[in-house]
């Protein structure tokens, strides 16, 4: 899976090469576990300041506050992605966009007592799962998603 990183002026950060590589590995594992051809999937990642993620959250979700991560999927399920992969042949398929607020991730890392790198990876995994059709609005969905998140984090060697 190809993970593209965009940098915004004022974001003040981005991610290190180590975190970038771990995100790549996580995205590949997520897609493979869903039966997708990871070599033909793409995800874009933007690290943005609080003001920008608040604006996106307000505009797209109707929630006027800063959040840690937003996901903008192109497909509703792994089945829809598989169908799109069949239609497009060997062409890469953009699964969607991940938008992370590093400042919020830093606050949460401190609150939870773990390194910011772990928080950034967790937020990325969480968001990629949304791109693959996972949700957490209902208790059963939340449970399934949490199990998959923990499985991926364990695969990366980053556990609680």
N, C-alpha and C. Protein backbone atom coordinates (compact mmCIF):
# COMPACT_ATOMS: atom_id res chain seq x y z
N UNK A 1 0.85 -1.17 0.00
CA UNK A 1 0.00 0.00 0.00
C UNK A 1 0.89 1.23 0.00
N UNK A 2 0.49 2.18 -0.77
CA UNK A 2 1.22 3.44 -0.81
C UNK A 2 0.54 4.44 0.11
N UNK A 3 1.33 5.04 1.00
CA UNK A 3 0.82 6.07 1.91
C UNK A 3 1.49 7.38 1.53
N UNK A 4 0.68 8.35 1.14
CA UNK A 4 1.17 9.67 0.74
C UNK A 4 1.00 10.64 1.90
N UNK A 5 2.01 11.42 2.16
CA UNK A 5 1.93 12.43 3.21
C UNK A 5 1.92 13.81 2.60
N UNK A 6 1.00 14.63 3.05
CA UNK A 6 0.96 16.03 2.63
C UNK A 6 1.30 16.87 3.85
N UNK A 7 1.93 17.98 3.62
CA UNK A 7 2.30 18.88 4.72
C UNK A 7 1.56 20.18 4.53
N UNK A 8 0.96 20.65 5.61
CA UNK A 8 0.28 21.95 5.57
C UNK A 8 1.17 22.99 6.21
N UNK A 9 1.15 24.19 5.65
CA UNK A 9 1.85 25.29 6.30
C UNK A 9 1.18 25.51 7.65
N UNK A 10 1.99 25.66 8.67
CA UNK A 10 1.43 25.90 9.99
C UNK A 10 1.16 24.64 10.77
N UNK A 11 1.26 23.46 10.13
CA UNK A 11 1.02 22.23 10.87
C UNK A 11 2.13 22.03 11.89
N UNK A 12 3.31 22.52 11.56
CA UNK A 12 4.41 22.49 12.51
C UNK A 12 5.01 21.12 12.73
N UNK A 13 4.61 20.11 11.95
CA UNK A 13 5.11 18.81 12.31
C UNK A 13 5.25 17.90 11.11
N UNK A 14 4.32 17.04 10.93
CA UNK A 14 4.45 15.91 10.03
C UNK A 14 4.81 14.72 10.89
N UNK A 15 5.41 13.73 10.29
CA UNK A 15 5.79 12.54 11.05
C UNK A 15 7.21 12.14 10.67
N UNK A 16 7.86 11.46 11.58
CA UNK A 16 9.23 11.00 11.34
C UNK A 16 9.22 9.86 10.32
N UNK A 17 10.40 9.54 9.81
CA UNK A 17 10.52 8.43 8.86
C UNK A 17 10.12 7.12 9.53
N UNK A 18 10.44 6.96 10.81
CA UNK A 18 10.08 5.75 11.53
C UNK A 18 8.58 5.58 11.65
N UNK A 19 7.88 6.66 11.98
CA UNK A 19 6.42 6.60 12.08
C UNK A 19 5.82 6.40 10.69
N UNK A 20 6.37 7.07 9.70
CA UNK A 20 5.90 6.90 8.33
C UNK A 20 6.00 5.43 7.90
N UNK A 21 7.13 4.80 8.18
CA UNK A 21 7.32 3.39 7.82
C UNK A 21 6.34 2.49 8.58
N UNK A 22 6.11 2.80 9.85
CA UNK A 22 5.17 2.00 10.64
C UNK A 22 3.74 2.18 10.12
N UNK A 23 3.40 3.39 9.70
CA UNK A 23 2.07 3.63 9.12
C UNK A 23 1.91 2.84 7.83
N UNK A 24 2.94 2.83 7.02
CA UNK A 24 2.92 2.05 5.78
C UNK A 24 2.66 0.58 6.08
N UNK A 25 3.40 0.04 7.04
CA UNK A 25 3.26 -1.37 7.43
C UNK A 25 1.85 -1.64 7.96
N UNK A 26 1.34 -0.72 8.77
CA UNK A 26 -0.01 -0.87 9.33
C UNK A 26 -1.07 -0.87 8.24
N UNK A 27 -0.95 0.06 7.29
CA UNK A 27 -1.94 0.15 6.21
C UNK A 27 -1.93 -1.13 5.36
N UNK A 28 -0.74 -1.63 5.08
CA UNK A 28 -0.64 -2.87 4.31
C UNK A 28 -1.31 -4.02 5.05
N UNK A 29 -1.04 -4.13 6.34
CA UNK A 29 -1.62 -5.22 7.14
C UNK A 29 -3.15 -5.09 7.20
N UNK A 30 -3.64 -3.88 7.40
CA UNK A 30 -5.10 -3.67 7.44
C UNK A 30 -5.74 -4.14 6.15
N UNK A 31 -5.16 -3.76 5.02
CA UNK A 31 -5.77 -4.11 3.73
C UNK A 31 -5.68 -5.61 3.45
N UNK A 32 -4.55 -6.21 3.77
CA UNK A 32 -4.39 -7.66 3.55
C UNK A 32 -5.40 -8.44 4.39
N UNK A 33 -5.61 -8.03 5.63
CA UNK A 33 -6.57 -8.72 6.49
C UNK A 33 -8.00 -8.61 5.96
N UNK A 34 -8.25 -7.63 5.12
CA UNK A 34 -9.58 -7.48 4.51
C UNK A 34 -9.65 -8.14 3.14
N UNK A 35 -8.58 -8.84 2.75
CA UNK A 35 -8.58 -9.56 1.48
C UNK A 35 -8.29 -8.69 0.27
N UNK A 36 -7.71 -7.52 0.50
CA UNK A 36 -7.42 -6.60 -0.61
C UNK A 36 -6.01 -6.80 -1.13
N UNK A 37 -5.78 -6.37 -2.35
CA UNK A 37 -4.45 -6.36 -2.92
C UNK A 37 -3.78 -5.06 -2.46
N UNK A 38 -2.99 -5.16 -1.40
CA UNK A 38 -2.38 -3.99 -0.79
C UNK A 38 -1.48 -3.23 -1.75
N UNK A 39 -0.88 -3.93 -2.69
CA UNK A 39 0.02 -3.26 -3.63
C UNK A 39 -0.72 -2.30 -4.56
N UNK A 40 -2.04 -2.38 -4.58
CA UNK A 40 -2.83 -1.52 -5.47
C UNK A 40 -3.70 -0.53 -4.70
N UNK A 41 -3.39 -0.34 -3.41
CA UNK A 41 -4.17 0.60 -2.59
C UNK A 41 -3.31 1.82 -2.22
N UNK A 42 -3.97 2.96 -2.10
CA UNK A 42 -3.30 4.20 -1.69
C UNK A 42 -4.14 4.91 -0.64
N UNK A 43 -3.43 5.59 0.26
CA UNK A 43 -4.07 6.41 1.29
C UNK A 43 -3.27 7.71 1.39
N UNK A 44 -3.96 8.82 1.52
CA UNK A 44 -3.25 10.08 1.76
C UNK A 44 -3.40 10.47 3.23
N UNK A 45 -2.34 11.06 3.77
CA UNK A 45 -2.33 11.49 5.17
C UNK A 45 -1.92 12.95 5.23
N UNK A 46 -2.70 13.73 5.95
CA UNK A 46 -2.37 15.13 6.21
C UNK A 46 -2.28 15.33 7.71
N UNK A 47 -1.25 16.03 8.13
CA UNK A 47 -1.11 16.41 9.54
C UNK A 47 -1.38 17.91 9.58
N UNK A 48 -2.43 18.27 10.33
CA UNK A 48 -2.91 19.64 10.29
C UNK A 48 -3.00 20.25 11.69
N UNK A 49 -3.03 21.59 11.75
CA UNK A 49 -3.17 22.26 13.05
C UNK A 49 -4.62 22.17 13.55
N UNK A 50 -4.82 22.45 14.83
CA UNK A 50 -6.16 22.35 15.43
C UNK A 50 -7.24 23.16 14.70
N UNK A 51 -6.90 24.35 14.25
CA UNK A 51 -7.89 25.18 13.58
C UNK A 51 -8.42 24.51 12.31
N UNK A 52 -7.53 23.86 11.59
CA UNK A 52 -7.94 23.23 10.33
C UNK A 52 -8.80 22.00 10.57
N UNK A 53 -8.41 21.17 11.54
CA UNK A 53 -9.22 19.97 11.78
C UNK A 53 -10.57 20.34 12.38
N UNK A 54 -10.60 21.42 13.15
CA UNK A 54 -11.88 21.90 13.69
C UNK A 54 -12.80 22.33 12.54
N UNK A 55 -12.25 23.04 11.59
CA UNK A 55 -13.03 23.49 10.44
C UNK A 55 -13.55 22.30 9.64
N UNK A 56 -12.69 21.32 9.40
CA UNK A 56 -13.12 20.11 8.67
C UNK A 56 -14.20 19.36 9.45
N UNK A 57 -14.00 19.24 10.75
CA UNK A 57 -14.97 18.55 11.60
C UNK A 57 -16.32 19.26 11.54
N UNK A 58 -16.30 20.58 11.58
CA UNK A 58 -17.52 21.38 11.51
C UNK A 58 -18.19 21.22 10.14
N UNK A 59 -17.39 21.35 9.09
CA UNK A 59 -17.95 21.33 7.74
C UNK A 59 -18.47 19.96 7.31
N UNK A 60 -17.78 18.89 7.72
CA UNK A 60 -18.16 17.56 7.24
C UNK A 60 -18.96 16.73 8.24
N UNK A 61 -18.85 17.06 9.53
CA UNK A 61 -19.57 16.26 10.52
C UNK A 61 -20.56 17.09 11.35
N UNK A 62 -20.52 18.39 11.17
CA UNK A 62 -21.42 19.25 11.92
C UNK A 62 -21.06 19.38 13.39
N UNK A 63 -19.79 19.09 13.71
CA UNK A 63 -19.32 19.16 15.09
C UNK A 63 -18.23 20.23 15.15
N UNK A 64 -18.52 21.33 15.81
CA UNK A 64 -17.62 22.48 15.82
C UNK A 64 -16.63 22.41 16.98
N UNK A 65 -15.69 21.47 16.89
CA UNK A 65 -14.62 21.35 17.88
C UNK A 65 -13.44 20.59 17.28
N UNK A 66 -12.31 20.76 17.92
CA UNK A 66 -11.10 20.06 17.50
C UNK A 66 -11.28 18.57 17.78
N UNK A 67 -10.82 17.76 16.86
CA UNK A 67 -10.81 16.31 17.05
C UNK A 67 -9.41 15.80 16.74
N UNK A 68 -9.16 14.54 17.04
CA UNK A 68 -7.83 13.98 16.84
C UNK A 68 -7.57 13.51 15.41
N UNK A 69 -8.58 12.90 14.80
CA UNK A 69 -8.39 12.34 13.46
C UNK A 69 -9.73 12.32 12.72
N UNK A 70 -9.65 12.52 11.43
CA UNK A 70 -10.83 12.40 10.56
C UNK A 70 -10.48 11.48 9.41
N UNK A 71 -11.49 10.74 8.96
CA UNK A 71 -11.34 9.82 7.84
C UNK A 71 -12.32 10.20 6.75
N UNK A 72 -11.85 10.18 5.53
CA UNK A 72 -12.69 10.49 4.38
C UNK A 72 -12.61 9.33 3.39
N UNK A 73 -13.43 8.29 3.62
CA UNK A 73 -13.36 7.10 2.75
C UNK A 73 -13.95 7.33 1.37
N UNK A 74 -13.39 6.62 0.40
CA UNK A 74 -13.92 6.66 -0.97
C UNK A 74 -14.91 5.52 -1.22
N UNK A 75 -14.87 4.50 -0.36
CA UNK A 75 -15.72 3.32 -0.52
C UNK A 75 -16.36 2.97 0.82
N UNK A 76 -17.45 2.23 0.76
CA UNK A 76 -18.19 1.91 1.98
C UNK A 76 -17.77 0.61 2.64
N UNK A 77 -17.08 -0.27 1.90
CA UNK A 77 -16.74 -1.58 2.45
C UNK A 77 -15.59 -2.21 1.69
N UNK A 78 -14.96 -3.23 2.28
CA UNK A 78 -13.93 -3.95 1.54
C UNK A 78 -14.48 -4.56 0.25
N UNK A 79 -15.73 -5.00 0.27
CA UNK A 79 -16.34 -5.56 -0.94
C UNK A 79 -16.39 -4.54 -2.06
N UNK A 80 -16.74 -3.31 -1.74
CA UNK A 80 -16.77 -2.24 -2.74
C UNK A 80 -15.36 -1.94 -3.26
N UNK A 81 -14.38 -2.03 -2.37
CA UNK A 81 -12.99 -1.81 -2.79
C UNK A 81 -12.53 -2.94 -3.72
N UNK A 82 -12.86 -4.18 -3.35
CA UNK A 82 -12.50 -5.32 -4.20
C UNK A 82 -13.12 -5.18 -5.59
N UNK A 83 -14.37 -4.78 -5.63
CA UNK A 83 -15.04 -4.59 -6.92
C UNK A 83 -14.33 -3.50 -7.73
N UNK A 84 -13.97 -2.41 -7.07
CA UNK A 84 -13.26 -1.32 -7.75
C UNK A 84 -11.90 -1.80 -8.24
N UNK A 85 -11.21 -2.62 -7.44
CA UNK A 85 -9.92 -3.16 -7.88
C UNK A 85 -10.10 -4.05 -9.12
N UNK A 86 -11.17 -4.81 -9.16
CA UNK A 86 -11.43 -5.66 -10.34
C UNK A 86 -11.67 -4.79 -11.58
N UNK A 87 -12.41 -3.70 -11.40
CA UNK A 87 -12.74 -2.82 -12.53
C UNK A 87 -11.54 -2.05 -13.06
N UNK A 88 -10.61 -1.69 -12.16
CA UNK A 88 -9.51 -0.81 -12.56
C UNK A 88 -8.26 -1.55 -13.00
N UNK A 89 -8.29 -2.86 -12.99
CA UNK A 89 -7.12 -3.62 -13.42
C UNK A 89 -5.95 -3.40 -12.48
N UNK A 90 -4.81 -3.01 -13.06
CA UNK A 90 -3.60 -2.83 -12.26
C UNK A 90 -3.43 -1.43 -11.70
N UNK A 91 -4.39 -0.56 -11.97
CA UNK A 91 -4.28 0.82 -11.51
C UNK A 91 -4.38 0.91 -10.00
N UNK A 92 -3.60 1.82 -9.37
CA UNK A 92 -3.74 2.02 -7.93
C UNK A 92 -5.11 2.61 -7.60
N UNK A 93 -5.60 2.27 -6.43
CA UNK A 93 -6.92 2.70 -6.01
C UNK A 93 -6.81 3.52 -4.73
N UNK A 94 -7.26 4.77 -4.77
CA UNK A 94 -7.22 5.63 -3.58
C UNK A 94 -8.37 5.24 -2.66
N UNK A 95 -8.03 4.79 -1.45
CA UNK A 95 -9.05 4.38 -0.48
C UNK A 95 -9.67 5.57 0.24
N UNK A 96 -8.92 6.66 0.34
CA UNK A 96 -9.44 7.85 1.00
C UNK A 96 -8.33 8.64 1.67
N UNK A 97 -8.77 9.56 2.51
CA UNK A 97 -7.86 10.49 3.17
C UNK A 97 -7.94 10.38 4.68
N UNK A 98 -6.78 10.50 5.32
CA UNK A 98 -6.65 10.53 6.77
C UNK A 98 -6.13 11.91 7.14
N UNK A 99 -6.78 12.56 8.09
CA UNK A 99 -6.36 13.88 8.56
C UNK A 99 -6.13 13.78 10.06
N UNK A 100 -4.90 14.05 10.49
CA UNK A 100 -4.52 13.92 11.90
C UNK A 100 -4.13 15.28 12.45
N UNK A 101 -4.59 15.57 13.64
CA UNK A 101 -4.17 16.78 14.36
C UNK A 101 -3.08 16.38 15.35
N UNK A 102 -1.83 16.74 15.02
CA UNK A 102 -0.71 16.34 15.86
C UNK A 102 -0.83 16.92 17.27
N UNK A 103 -1.24 18.17 17.39
CA UNK A 103 -1.36 18.77 18.72
C UNK A 103 -2.33 17.99 19.59
N UNK A 104 -3.45 17.59 19.02
CA UNK A 104 -4.43 16.80 19.78
C UNK A 104 -3.85 15.44 20.12
N UNK A 105 -3.11 14.84 19.20
CA UNK A 105 -2.45 13.55 19.46
C UNK A 105 -1.45 13.68 20.60
N UNK A 106 -0.71 14.78 20.64
CA UNK A 106 0.25 15.01 21.73
C UNK A 106 -0.47 15.14 23.07
N UNK A 107 -1.59 15.86 23.09
CA UNK A 107 -2.37 16.00 24.32
C UNK A 107 -2.88 14.64 24.80
N UNK A 108 -3.39 13.85 23.88
CA UNK A 108 -3.92 12.53 24.24
C UNK A 108 -2.81 11.60 24.71
N UNK A 109 -1.67 11.65 24.08
CA UNK A 109 -0.55 10.81 24.49
C UNK A 109 -0.17 11.12 25.94
N UNK A 110 -0.12 12.40 26.26
CA UNK A 110 0.21 12.79 27.63
C UNK A 110 -0.88 12.31 28.59
N UNK A 111 -2.13 12.49 28.20
CA UNK A 111 -3.27 12.08 29.02
C UNK A 111 -3.25 10.57 29.28
N UNK A 112 -2.93 9.78 28.26
CA UNK A 112 -2.93 8.32 28.38
C UNK A 112 -1.61 7.76 28.88
N UNK A 113 -0.58 8.61 28.96
CA UNK A 113 0.70 8.18 29.50
C UNK A 113 1.51 7.30 28.57
N UNK A 114 1.43 7.56 27.28
CA UNK A 114 2.27 6.82 26.35
C UNK A 114 2.90 7.79 25.35
N UNK A 115 3.89 7.32 24.59
CA UNK A 115 4.58 8.21 23.65
C UNK A 115 3.66 8.73 22.54
N UNK A 116 3.94 9.92 22.06
CA UNK A 116 3.14 10.51 20.99
C UNK A 116 3.20 9.64 19.73
N UNK A 117 4.32 8.96 19.50
CA UNK A 117 4.44 8.09 18.33
C UNK A 117 3.38 6.98 18.38
N UNK A 118 3.15 6.42 19.57
CA UNK A 118 2.12 5.39 19.71
C UNK A 118 0.75 5.97 19.38
N UNK A 119 0.49 7.16 19.87
CA UNK A 119 -0.81 7.79 19.62
C UNK A 119 -1.01 8.08 18.14
N UNK A 120 0.01 8.58 17.48
CA UNK A 120 -0.09 8.84 16.04
C UNK A 120 -0.37 7.55 15.26
N UNK A 121 0.32 6.47 15.63
CA UNK A 121 0.09 5.19 14.96
C UNK A 121 -1.32 4.69 15.21
N UNK A 122 -1.77 4.79 16.46
CA UNK A 122 -3.12 4.33 16.78
C UNK A 122 -4.16 5.12 15.98
N UNK A 123 -4.02 6.44 15.94
CA UNK A 123 -4.98 7.27 15.21
C UNK A 123 -4.98 6.91 13.72
N UNK A 124 -3.81 6.64 13.19
CA UNK A 124 -3.71 6.25 11.78
C UNK A 124 -4.42 4.92 11.54
N UNK A 125 -4.14 3.93 12.38
CA UNK A 125 -4.77 2.61 12.24
C UNK A 125 -6.29 2.76 12.34
N UNK A 126 -6.74 3.50 13.33
CA UNK A 126 -8.17 3.74 13.53
C UNK A 126 -8.79 4.33 12.25
N UNK A 127 -8.12 5.30 11.69
CA UNK A 127 -8.63 5.97 10.51
C UNK A 127 -8.62 5.06 9.28
N UNK A 128 -7.56 4.29 9.09
CA UNK A 128 -7.51 3.37 7.96
C UNK A 128 -8.64 2.35 8.06
N UNK A 129 -8.93 1.90 9.27
CA UNK A 129 -10.05 0.97 9.42
C UNK A 129 -11.37 1.62 9.02
N UNK A 130 -11.53 2.90 9.31
CA UNK A 130 -12.72 3.62 8.82
C UNK A 130 -12.73 3.62 7.29
N UNK A 131 -11.57 3.83 6.67
CA UNK A 131 -11.50 3.82 5.21
C UNK A 131 -11.91 2.46 4.64
N UNK A 132 -11.74 1.42 5.45
CA UNK A 132 -12.07 0.06 5.02
C UNK A 132 -13.48 -0.36 5.43
N UNK A 133 -14.26 0.58 5.97
CA UNK A 133 -15.65 0.29 6.27
C UNK A 133 -15.98 0.03 7.72
N UNK A 134 -15.00 0.06 8.61
CA UNK A 134 -15.27 -0.15 10.03
C UNK A 134 -15.91 1.10 10.63
N UNK A 135 -16.68 0.88 11.69
CA UNK A 135 -17.30 1.99 12.41
C UNK A 135 -17.41 1.63 13.88
N UNK A 136 -17.80 2.60 14.68
CA UNK A 136 -17.92 2.36 16.13
C UNK A 136 -19.12 3.07 16.72
N UNK A 137 -20.16 3.24 15.92
CA UNK A 137 -21.36 3.92 16.39
C UNK A 137 -22.21 3.00 17.28
N UNK A 138 -22.21 1.72 16.99
CA UNK A 138 -22.96 0.74 17.78
C UNK A 138 -21.97 -0.10 18.60
N UNK A 139 -22.38 -0.56 19.79
CA UNK A 139 -21.46 -1.33 20.65
C UNK A 139 -20.81 -2.53 19.96
N UNK A 140 -21.56 -3.28 19.17
CA UNK A 140 -20.98 -4.44 18.50
C UNK A 140 -19.93 -4.02 17.47
N UNK A 141 -20.25 -2.96 16.70
CA UNK A 141 -19.30 -2.44 15.72
C UNK A 141 -18.03 -1.96 16.42
N UNK A 142 -18.22 -1.27 17.53
CA UNK A 142 -17.09 -0.73 18.29
C UNK A 142 -16.19 -1.86 18.77
N UNK A 143 -16.79 -2.93 19.26
CA UNK A 143 -16.02 -4.08 19.75
C UNK A 143 -15.20 -4.71 18.63
N UNK A 144 -15.81 -4.90 17.48
CA UNK A 144 -15.11 -5.49 16.33
C UNK A 144 -13.96 -4.60 15.90
N UNK A 145 -14.21 -3.30 15.85
CA UNK A 145 -13.17 -2.36 15.43
C UNK A 145 -12.02 -2.34 16.43
N UNK A 146 -12.33 -2.34 17.72
CA UNK A 146 -11.27 -2.31 18.75
C UNK A 146 -10.39 -3.56 18.68
N UNK A 147 -11.00 -4.71 18.44
CA UNK A 147 -10.22 -5.94 18.32
C UNK A 147 -9.25 -5.83 17.15
N UNK A 148 -9.73 -5.30 16.01
CA UNK A 148 -8.87 -5.17 14.84
C UNK A 148 -7.75 -4.14 15.10
N UNK A 149 -8.10 -3.04 15.77
CA UNK A 149 -7.07 -2.03 16.10
C UNK A 149 -5.97 -2.65 16.94
N UNK A 150 -6.36 -3.39 17.96
CA UNK A 150 -5.37 -4.01 18.85
C UNK A 150 -4.54 -5.05 18.10
N UNK A 151 -5.17 -5.79 17.19
CA UNK A 151 -4.45 -6.77 16.39
C UNK A 151 -3.37 -6.10 15.54
N UNK A 152 -3.71 -4.98 14.92
CA UNK A 152 -2.74 -4.27 14.09
C UNK A 152 -1.63 -3.67 14.94
N UNK A 153 -2.00 -3.07 16.06
CA UNK A 153 -0.98 -2.48 16.94
C UNK A 153 -0.02 -3.56 17.46
N UNK A 154 -0.55 -4.72 17.79
CA UNK A 154 0.30 -5.83 18.24
C UNK A 154 1.22 -6.27 17.11
N UNK A 155 0.70 -6.35 15.89
CA UNK A 155 1.50 -6.69 14.72
C UNK A 155 2.68 -5.72 14.56
N UNK A 156 2.42 -4.45 14.88
CA UNK A 156 3.47 -3.43 14.79
C UNK A 156 4.42 -3.48 15.97
N UNK A 157 4.08 -4.27 16.99
CA UNK A 157 4.91 -4.33 18.20
C UNK A 157 4.67 -3.16 19.14
N UNK A 158 3.49 -2.54 19.00
CA UNK A 158 3.16 -1.37 19.81
C UNK A 158 1.87 -1.69 20.58
N UNK A 159 2.06 -2.19 21.78
CA UNK A 159 0.90 -2.55 22.59
C UNK A 159 0.75 -1.59 23.75
N UNK A 160 -0.37 -1.70 24.41
CA UNK A 160 -0.62 -0.83 25.56
C UNK A 160 0.37 -1.06 26.67
